[in-house]
């Protein structure tokens, strides 16, 4: 009888602790379904799903860094300007003939340097993040205009854009036509590998928690969660396989998201980030070098901004002086929609990815309905306002606010 009570308690606690993620995931599905009849169900088309990842991948990458900034009660308003600046320089580097690999490494290094520059001012002289990154936003926007001479900088060939809009099947393996029952094969192979990894990791973590005497969710709940995740991955793989195959940028996203999800959940740095966000003074008294943790977070944010710059510029196939406009707002919105607390200390990488998908689905649906950007701004504002209201309300209700 005791075991049954514990199992029920675990399920309730699991749902309660992950309510925002579950509700946002349900909302994501509802958004797709609601927009379906309004745009002739083209939002579920394989081509459209693929282009959602082509067009909005920068949101997921920037949000992965932004969530860490917000967790430590910071912010980065400069990411849009830095994307434009690094994107312009990266195209210039690529046009010298050094190749895409060198261009990517140089872009990451530039982003890291920018993050270190701003992070030092925030961590050590204690300049408020809002002010420091606002100055960075103006600084790097001005530098972008200077280095581009207020003119677009175009890559010398289409190889630069493969990183953002290429697919493994069509562009890398040169499969001109679908080879298996009208489908490209790589998305299914990749999805099956990811599914196997997820199942192995989940049960390994479960075994470890049991061995250390920690509470675990009921076995049936674990199976249901993994089964649903597997089905969703296979459905997404089917959509990719029906168009041109597995997008290269999806591999980049999975590696980036997986890496920082692991860092936040399973490393000392991740625990320190949550500790600083929960209570910086207590963290410092516990022996944590809070200044260095803050500095590292902004270095990470800068590095991911460099990656987003290459992907965003590749999607446009041109480095535009005005590129990156409102990117910081998209990343911040994805964070708050994805469950990051406005008061810091709470948030997950997976949560903000779901938040980014919600934002992308809304933008994509409104675009398919031929609604202008001004309508999208209105909807984004309302969604973010509701997300923050929900966070504040729920924290007050539980006595945390």
Foldseek 3Di string as FASTA:
>chain_A
DVVVVLQVVQVVVVCVVCVLLVVLLVVLVVLLVVLCVLLVNCCLALVNLLVLCLAQVLLLLLLLLQLLQVQLVAAAPQLLLLLLQLLQVLLVVVQVVPDDVVSLVVLLVQLLVLLLVLLLCCLPVNDGRVVSNVVNNVVSLVVSCVVCVQDKRFHPDLPLLLLRNNACQCPVVNPPFCDPPQWNPVLVVVLVVVLVVVVVVVVVVVVVCVVVVHDDHDPVVVVVVSVVVSVVSVSSSRSQGNPRHHRNSVVVSCVSLVVSLCCLPPHPLNVLSLVSSVPVVVSVVVPDSSSVSSSVSSSSSSSSSSVSSSSNCSSVSISGSSGSVCSSVSSVLLFLSLPRASSHSDGGSSSSVSSSSSLSSLVSSCVSSVHDVVVSVVVSVVSSVVSNVVRVVVCVVVVND
